[in-house]
């Protein structure tokens, strides 16, 4: 961990849905911020969108959920 990186001191709570919110949070995490994603009990909308491996719907394996 780089102690000189100012992003290491930032904590982000991401409460959005969709690709843009997840991508913004990912960028901040990649820069060193700690990111906590808050989702509804059903999960982010992107978890219910494909593509899925072998066309088997699985919210943990959705194409967009790995952003």
PDB file of N, CA and C in Angstrom:
ATOM      1  N   UNK A   1       0.847  -1.181   0.000  1.00  0.00           N
ATOM      2  CA  UNK A   1       0.000   0.000   0.000  1.00  0.00           C
ATOM      3  C   UNK A   1       0.891   1.242   0.000  1.00  0.00           C
ATOM      4  N   UNK A   2       0.584   2.154  -0.901  1.00  0.00           N
ATOM      5  CA  UNK A   2       1.326   3.403  -1.022  1.00  0.00           C
ATOM      6  C   UNK A   2       0.759   4.416  -0.036  1.00  0.00           C
ATOM      7  N   UNK A   3       1.523   4.754   1.011  1.00  0.00           N
ATOM      8  CA  UNK A   3       1.030   5.671   2.044  1.00  0.00           C
ATOM      9  C   UNK A   3       0.917   7.104   1.539  1.00  0.00           C
ATOM     10  N   UNK A   4       1.540   7.423   0.422  1.00  0.00           N
ATOM     11  CA  UNK A   4       1.465   8.769  -0.132  1.00  0.00           C
ATOM     12  C   UNK A   4       0.232   8.964  -1.018  1.00  0.00           C
ATOM     13  N   UNK A   5      -0.473   7.886  -1.341  1.00  0.00           N
ATOM     14  CA  UNK A   5      -1.648   7.969  -2.199  1.00  0.00           C
ATOM     15  C   UNK A   5      -2.828   8.541  -1.410  1.00  0.00           C
ATOM     16  N   UNK A   6      -3.343   9.719  -1.776  1.00  0.00           N
ATOM     17  CA  UNK A   6      -4.445  10.315  -1.022  1.00  0.00           C
ATOM     18  C   UNK A   6      -5.734   9.497  -1.103  1.00  0.00           C
ATOM     19  N   UNK A   7      -5.889   8.675  -2.129  1.00  0.00           N
ATOM     20  CA  UNK A   7      -7.102   7.866  -2.253  1.00  0.00           C
ATOM     21  C   UNK A   7      -7.171   6.769  -1.185  1.00  0.00           C
ATOM     22  N   UNK A   8      -6.032   6.399  -0.598  1.00  0.00           N
ATOM     23  CA  UNK A   8      -6.035   5.383   0.455  1.00  0.00           C
ATOM     24  C   UNK A   8      -6.813   5.834   1.683  1.00  0.00           C
ATOM     25  N   UNK A   9      -6.994   7.126   1.861  1.00  0.00           N
ATOM     26  CA  UNK A   9      -7.707   7.657   3.023  1.00  0.00           C
ATOM     27  C   UNK A   9      -9.200   7.863   2.751  1.00  0.00           C
ATOM     28  N   UNK A  10      -9.645   7.582   1.527  1.00  0.00           N
ATOM     29  CA  UNK A  10     -11.036   7.829   1.138  1.00  0.00           C
ATOM     30  C   UNK A  10     -11.860   6.556   1.281  1.00  0.00           C
ATOM     31  N   UNK A  11     -13.053   6.698   1.864  1.00  0.00           N
ATOM     32  CA  UNK A  11     -14.019   5.604   1.934  1.00  0.00           C
ATOM     33  C   UNK A  11     -15.268   6.046   1.189  1.00  0.00           C
ATOM     34  N   UNK A  12     -15.735   5.201   0.292  1.00  0.00           N
ATOM     35  CA  UNK A  12     -16.870   5.518  -0.577  1.00  0.00           C
ATOM     36  C   UNK A  12     -17.991   4.524  -0.307  1.00  0.00           C
ATOM     37  N   UNK A  13     -19.212   5.023  -0.188  1.00  0.00           N
ATOM     38  CA  UNK A  13     -20.389   4.167  -0.112  1.00  0.00           C
ATOM     39  C   UNK A  13     -21.136   4.363  -1.416  1.00  0.00           C
ATOM     40  N   UNK A  14     -21.177   3.328  -2.233  1.00  0.00           N
ATOM     41  CA  UNK A  14     -21.823   3.402  -3.545  1.00  0.00           C
ATOM     42  C   UNK A  14     -23.229   2.858  -3.427  1.00  0.00           C
ATOM     43  N   UNK A  15     -24.222   3.728  -3.625  1.00  0.00           N
ATOM     44  CA  UNK A  15     -25.630   3.352  -3.486  1.00  0.00           C
ATOM     45  C   UNK A  15     -26.361   3.376  -4.820  1.00  0.00           C
ATOM     46  N   UNK A  16     -25.633   3.469  -5.916  1.00  0.00           N
ATOM     47  CA  UNK A  16     -26.259   3.565  -7.229  1.00  0.00           C
ATOM     48  C   UNK A  16     -26.555   2.210  -7.824  1.00  0.00           C
ATOM     49  N   UNK A  17     -27.143   2.255  -9.018  1.00  0.00           N
ATOM     50  CA  UNK A  17     -27.416   1.038  -9.775  1.00  0.00           C
ATOM     51  C   UNK A  17     -26.968   1.246 -11.200  1.00  0.00           C
ATOM     52  N   UNK A  18     -26.663   0.165 -11.843  1.00  0.00           N
ATOM     53  CA  UNK A  18     -26.312   0.215 -13.249  1.00  0.00           C
ATOM     54  C   UNK A  18     -24.816   0.334 -13.484  1.00  0.00           C
ATOM     55  N   UNK A  19     -24.479   0.362 -14.753  1.00  0.00           N
ATOM     56  CA  UNK A  19     -23.081   0.333 -15.168  1.00  0.00           C
ATOM     57  C   UNK A  19     -22.320   1.577 -14.734  1.00  0.00           C
ATOM     58  N   UNK A  20     -22.910   2.749 -14.878  1.00  0.00           N
ATOM     59  CA  UNK A  20     -22.163   3.984 -14.581  1.00  0.00           C
ATOM     60  C   UNK A  20     -21.786   4.081 -13.104  1.00  0.00           C
ATOM     61  N   UNK A  21     -22.686   3.715 -12.201  1.00  0.00           N
ATOM     62  CA  UNK A  21     -22.377   3.765 -10.764  1.00  0.00           C
ATOM     63  C   UNK A  21     -21.288   2.752 -10.414  1.00  0.00           C
ATOM     64  N   UNK A  22     -21.415   1.543 -10.934  1.00  0.00           N
ATOM     65  CA  UNK A  22     -20.422   0.504 -10.650  1.00  0.00           C
ATOM     66  C   UNK A  22     -19.057   0.864 -11.228  1.00  0.00           C
ATOM     67  N   UNK A  23     -19.044   1.428 -12.422  1.00  0.00           N
ATOM     68  CA  UNK A  23     -17.774   1.777 -13.052  1.00  0.00           C
ATOM     69  C   UNK A  23     -17.093   2.921 -12.309  1.00  0.00           C
ATOM     70  N   UNK A  24     -17.872   3.908 -11.880  1.00  0.00           N
ATOM     71  CA  UNK A  24     -17.302   5.010 -11.098  1.00  0.00           C
ATOM     72  C   UNK A  24     -16.698   4.521  -9.794  1.00  0.00           C
ATOM     73  N   UNK A  25     -17.396   3.604  -9.127  1.00  0.00           N
ATOM     74  CA  UNK A  25     -16.880   3.033  -7.884  1.00  0.00           C
ATOM     75  C   UNK A  25     -15.628   2.204  -8.148  1.00  0.00           C
ATOM     76  N   UNK A  26     -15.605   1.482  -9.266  1.00  0.00           N
ATOM     77  CA  UNK A  26     -14.432   0.684  -9.617  1.00  0.00           C
ATOM     78  C   UNK A  26     -13.223   1.575  -9.865  1.00  0.00           C
ATOM     79  N   UNK A  27     -13.431   2.690 -10.537  1.00  0.00           N
ATOM     80  CA  UNK A  27     -12.319   3.612 -10.783  1.00  0.00           C
ATOM     81  C   UNK A  27     -11.728   4.119  -9.470  1.00  0.00           C
ATOM     82  N   UNK A  28     -12.601   4.504  -8.540  1.00  0.00           N
ATOM     83  CA  UNK A  28     -12.122   4.974  -7.245  1.00  0.00           C
ATOM     84  C   UNK A  28     -11.400   3.866  -6.484  1.00  0.00           C
ATOM     85  N   UNK A  29     -11.924   2.645  -6.546  1.00  0.00           N
ATOM     86  CA  UNK A  29     -11.266   1.512  -5.879  1.00  0.00           C
ATOM     87  C   UNK A  29      -9.900   1.239  -6.511  1.00  0.00           C
ATOM     88  N   UNK A  30      -9.835   1.312  -7.835  1.00  0.00           N
ATOM     89  CA  UNK A  30      -8.557   1.090  -8.524  1.00  0.00           C
ATOM     90  C   UNK A  30      -7.513   2.135  -8.127  1.00  0.00           C
ATOM     91  N   UNK A  31      -7.979   3.318  -7.767  1.00  0.00           N
ATOM     92  CA  UNK A  31      -7.065   4.378  -7.333  1.00  0.00           C
ATOM     93  C   UNK A  31      -6.666   4.235  -5.865  1.00  0.00           C
ATOM     94  N   UNK A  32      -7.320   3.331  -5.142  1.00  0.00           N
ATOM     95  CA  UNK A  32      -6.932   3.085  -3.760  1.00  0.00           C
ATOM     96  C   UNK A  32      -7.999   3.336  -2.718  1.00  0.00           C
ATOM     97  N   UNK A  33      -9.149   3.871  -3.114  1.00  0.00           N
ATOM     98  CA  UNK A  33     -10.218   4.136  -2.145  1.00  0.00           C
ATOM     99  C   UNK A  33     -10.862   2.824  -1.698  1.00  0.00           C
ATOM    100  N   UNK A  34     -11.366   2.819  -0.489  1.00  0.00           N
ATOM    101  CA  UNK A  34     -12.146   1.676  -0.004  1.00  0.00           C
ATOM    102  C   UNK A  34     -13.586   1.910  -0.431  1.00  0.00           C
ATOM    103  N   UNK A  35     -14.175   0.965  -1.153  1.00  0.00           N
ATOM    104  CA  UNK A  35     -15.529   1.131  -1.683  1.00  0.00           C
ATOM    105  C   UNK A  35     -16.433   0.053  -1.106  1.00  0.00           C
ATOM    106  N   UNK A  36     -17.584   0.492  -0.598  1.00  0.00           N
ATOM    107  CA  UNK A  36     -18.609  -0.415  -0.093  1.00  0.00           C
ATOM    108  C   UNK A  36     -19.844  -0.207  -0.947  1.00  0.00           C
ATOM    109  N   UNK A  37     -20.316  -1.261  -1.596  1.00  0.00           N
ATOM    110  CA  UNK A  37     -21.492  -1.171  -2.458  1.00  0.00           C
ATOM    111  C   UNK A  37     -22.726  -1.604  -1.682  1.00  0.00           C
ATOM    112  N   UNK A  38     -23.747  -0.766  -1.700  1.00  0.00           N
ATOM    113  CA  UNK A  38     -25.019  -1.064  -1.049  1.00  0.00           C
ATOM    114  C   UNK A  38     -26.022  -1.420  -2.142  1.00  0.00           C
ATOM    115  N   UNK A  39     -26.674  -2.563  -1.992  1.00  0.00           N
ATOM    116  CA  UNK A  39     -27.656  -3.007  -2.974  1.00  0.00           C
ATOM    117  C   UNK A  39     -28.967  -3.352  -2.279  1.00  0.00           C
ATOM    118  N   UNK A  40     -30.050  -3.318  -3.049  1.00  0.00           N
ATOM    119  CA  UNK A  40     -31.339  -3.768  -2.542  1.00  0.00           C
ATOM    120  C   UNK A  40     -31.270  -5.279  -2.343  1.00  0.00           C
ATOM    121  N   UNK A  41     -32.223  -5.877  -1.627  1.00  0.00           N
ATOM    122  CA  UNK A  41     -32.199  -7.333  -1.441  1.00  0.00           C
ATOM    123  C   UNK A  41     -32.197  -8.115  -2.763  1.00  0.00           C
ATOM    124  N   UNK A  42     -32.781  -7.537  -3.806  1.00  0.00           N
ATOM    125  CA  UNK A  42     -32.809  -8.201  -5.114  1.00  0.00           C
ATOM    126  C   UNK A  42     -31.479  -8.069  -5.846  1.00  0.00           C
ATOM    127  N   UNK A  43     -30.625  -7.190  -5.379  1.00  0.00           N
ATOM    128  CA  UNK A  43     -29.341  -6.955  -6.036  1.00  0.00           C
ATOM    129  C   UNK A  43     -29.447  -5.871  -7.099  1.00  0.00           C
ATOM    130  N   UNK A  44     -28.313  -5.405  -7.553  1.00  0.00           N
ATOM    131  CA  UNK A  44     -28.236  -4.401  -8.608  1.00  0.00           C
ATOM    132  C   UNK A  44     -28.921  -4.941  -9.868  1.00  0.00           C
ATOM    133  N   UNK A  45     -29.546  -4.045 -10.624  1.00  0.00           N
ATOM    134  CA  UNK A  45     -30.231  -4.443 -11.860  1.00  0.00           C
ATOM    135  C   UNK A  45     -29.307  -5.174 -12.831  1.00  0.00           C
ATOM    136  N   UNK A  46     -28.027  -4.811 -12.842  1.00  0.00           N
ATOM    137  CA  UNK A  46     -27.111  -5.439 -13.788  1.00  0.00           C
ATOM    138  C   UNK A  46     -26.873  -6.921 -13.474  1.00  0.00           C
ATOM    139  N   UNK A  47     -27.192  -7.352 -12.271  1.00  0.00           N
ATOM    140  CA  UNK A  47     -27.025  -8.778 -11.929  1.00  0.00           C
ATOM    141  C   UNK A  47     -28.079  -9.644 -12.610  1.00  0.00           C
ATOM    142  N   UNK A  48     -29.153  -9.034 -13.079  1.00  0.00           N
ATOM    143  CA  UNK A  48     -30.219  -9.784 -13.744  1.00  0.00           C
ATOM    144  C   UNK A  48     -30.126  -9.675 -15.264  1.00  0.00           C
ATOM    145  N   UNK A  49     -29.086  -9.026 -15.759  1.00  0.00           N
ATOM    146  CA  UNK A  49     -28.874  -8.893 -17.200  1.00  0.00           C
ATOM    147  C   UNK A  49     -27.761  -9.816 -17.651  1.00  0.00           C
ATOM    148  N   UNK A  50     -27.908 -10.335 -18.834  1.00  0.00           N
ATOM    149  CA  UNK A  50     -26.864 -11.169 -19.421  1.00  0.00           C
ATOM    150  C   UNK A  50     -25.764 -10.306 -20.001  1.00  0.00           C
ATOM    151  N   UNK A  51     -24.845 -10.902 -20.638  1.00  0.00           N
ATOM    152  CA  UNK A  51     -24.807 -12.327 -20.953  1.00  0.00           C
ATOM    153  C   UNK A  51     -24.409 -13.157 -19.738  1.00  0.00           C
ATOM    154  N   UNK A  52     -24.895 -14.397 -19.732  1.00  0.00           N
ATOM    155  CA  UNK A  52     -24.559 -15.346 -18.687  1.00  0.00           C
ATOM    156  C   UNK A  52     -23.778 -16.500 -19.309  1.00  0.00           C
ATOM    157  N   UNK A  53     -22.846 -17.107 -18.565  1.00  0.00           N
ATOM    158  CA  UNK A  53     -22.141 -18.276 -19.092  1.00  0.00           C
ATOM    159  C   UNK A  53     -23.127 -19.407 -19.404  1.00  0.00           C
ATOM    160  N   UNK A  54     -22.971 -20.032 -20.533  1.00  0.00           N
ATOM    161  CA  UNK A  54     -23.837 -21.122 -21.008  1.00  0.00           C
ATOM    162  C   UNK A  54     -25.321 -20.756 -20.975  1.00  0.00           C
ATOM    163  N   UNK A  55     -25.633 -19.455 -21.055  1.00  0.00           N
ATOM    164  CA  UNK A  55     -27.015 -18.959 -21.050  1.00  0.00           C
ATOM    165  C   UNK A  55     -27.809 -19.408 -19.820  1.00  0.00           C
ATOM    166  N   UNK A  56     -27.125 -19.666 -18.711  1.00  0.00           N
ATOM    167  CA  UNK A  56     -27.775 -20.036 -17.450  1.00  0.00           C
ATOM    168  C   UNK A  56     -27.782 -18.808 -16.537  1.00  0.00           C
ATOM    169  N   UNK A  57     -28.958 -18.240 -16.287  1.00  0.00           N
ATOM    170  CA  UNK A  57     -29.066 -17.040 -15.458  1.00  0.00           C
ATOM    171  C   UNK A  57     -28.510 -17.300 -14.056  1.00  0.00           C
ATOM    172  N   UNK A  58     -27.566 -16.484 -13.643  1.00  0.00           N
ATOM    173  CA  UNK A  58     -26.960 -16.564 -12.315  1.00  0.00           C
ATOM    174  C   UNK A  58     -26.499 -15.160 -11.944  1.00  0.00           C
ATOM    175  N   UNK A  59     -27.126 -14.526 -10.940  1.00  0.00           N
ATOM    176  CA  UNK A  59     -26.775 -13.141 -10.603  1.00  0.00           C
ATOM    177  C   UNK A  59     -25.318 -12.938 -10.217  1.00  0.00           C
ATOM    178  N   UNK A  60     -24.628 -14.003  -9.811  1.00  0.00           N
ATOM    179  CA  UNK A  60     -23.216 -13.874  -9.453  1.00  0.00           C
ATOM    180  C   UNK A  60     -22.295 -14.004 -10.651  1.00  0.00           C
ATOM    181  N   UNK A  61     -22.850 -14.385 -11.801  1.00  0.00           N
ATOM    182  CA  UNK A  61     -22.026 -14.587 -12.989  1.00  0.00           C
ATOM    183  C   UNK A  61     -22.482 -13.746 -14.175  1.00  0.00           C
ATOM    184  N   UNK A  62     -23.295 -12.709 -13.918  1.00  0.00           N
ATOM    185  CA  UNK A  62     -23.771 -11.849 -15.001  1.00  0.00           C
ATOM    186  C   UNK A  62     -22.604 -11.112 -15.633  1.00  0.00           C
ATOM    187  N   UNK A  63     -22.710 -10.859 -16.909  1.00  0.00           N
ATOM    188  CA  UNK A  63     -21.638 -10.193 -17.637  1.00  0.00           C
ATOM    189  C   UNK A  63     -21.281  -8.828 -17.087  1.00  0.00           C
ATOM    190  N   UNK A  64     -22.262  -8.074 -16.611  1.00  0.00           N
ATOM    191  CA  UNK A  64     -21.998  -6.739 -16.096  1.00  0.00           C
ATOM    192  C   UNK A  64     -21.625  -6.725 -14.623  1.00  0.00           C
ATOM    193  N   UNK A  65     -21.914  -7.776 -13.878  1.00  0.00           N
ATOM    194  CA  UNK A  65     -21.673  -7.730 -12.427  1.00  0.00           C
ATOM    195  C   UNK A  65     -20.205  -7.807 -12.059  1.00  0.00           C
ATOM    196  N   UNK A  66     -19.337  -8.072 -13.024  1.00  0.00           N
ATOM    197  CA  UNK A  66     -17.902  -8.125 -12.723  1.00  0.00           C
ATOM    198  C   UNK A  66     -17.203  -6.812 -12.997  1.00  0.00           C
ATOM    199  N   UNK A  67     -17.970  -5.784 -13.309  1.00  0.00           N
ATOM    200  CA  UNK A  67     -17.360  -4.484 -13.595  1.00  0.00           C
ATOM    201  C   UNK A  67     -16.682  -3.987 -12.424  1.00  0.00           C
TER     202      UNK A  67
END
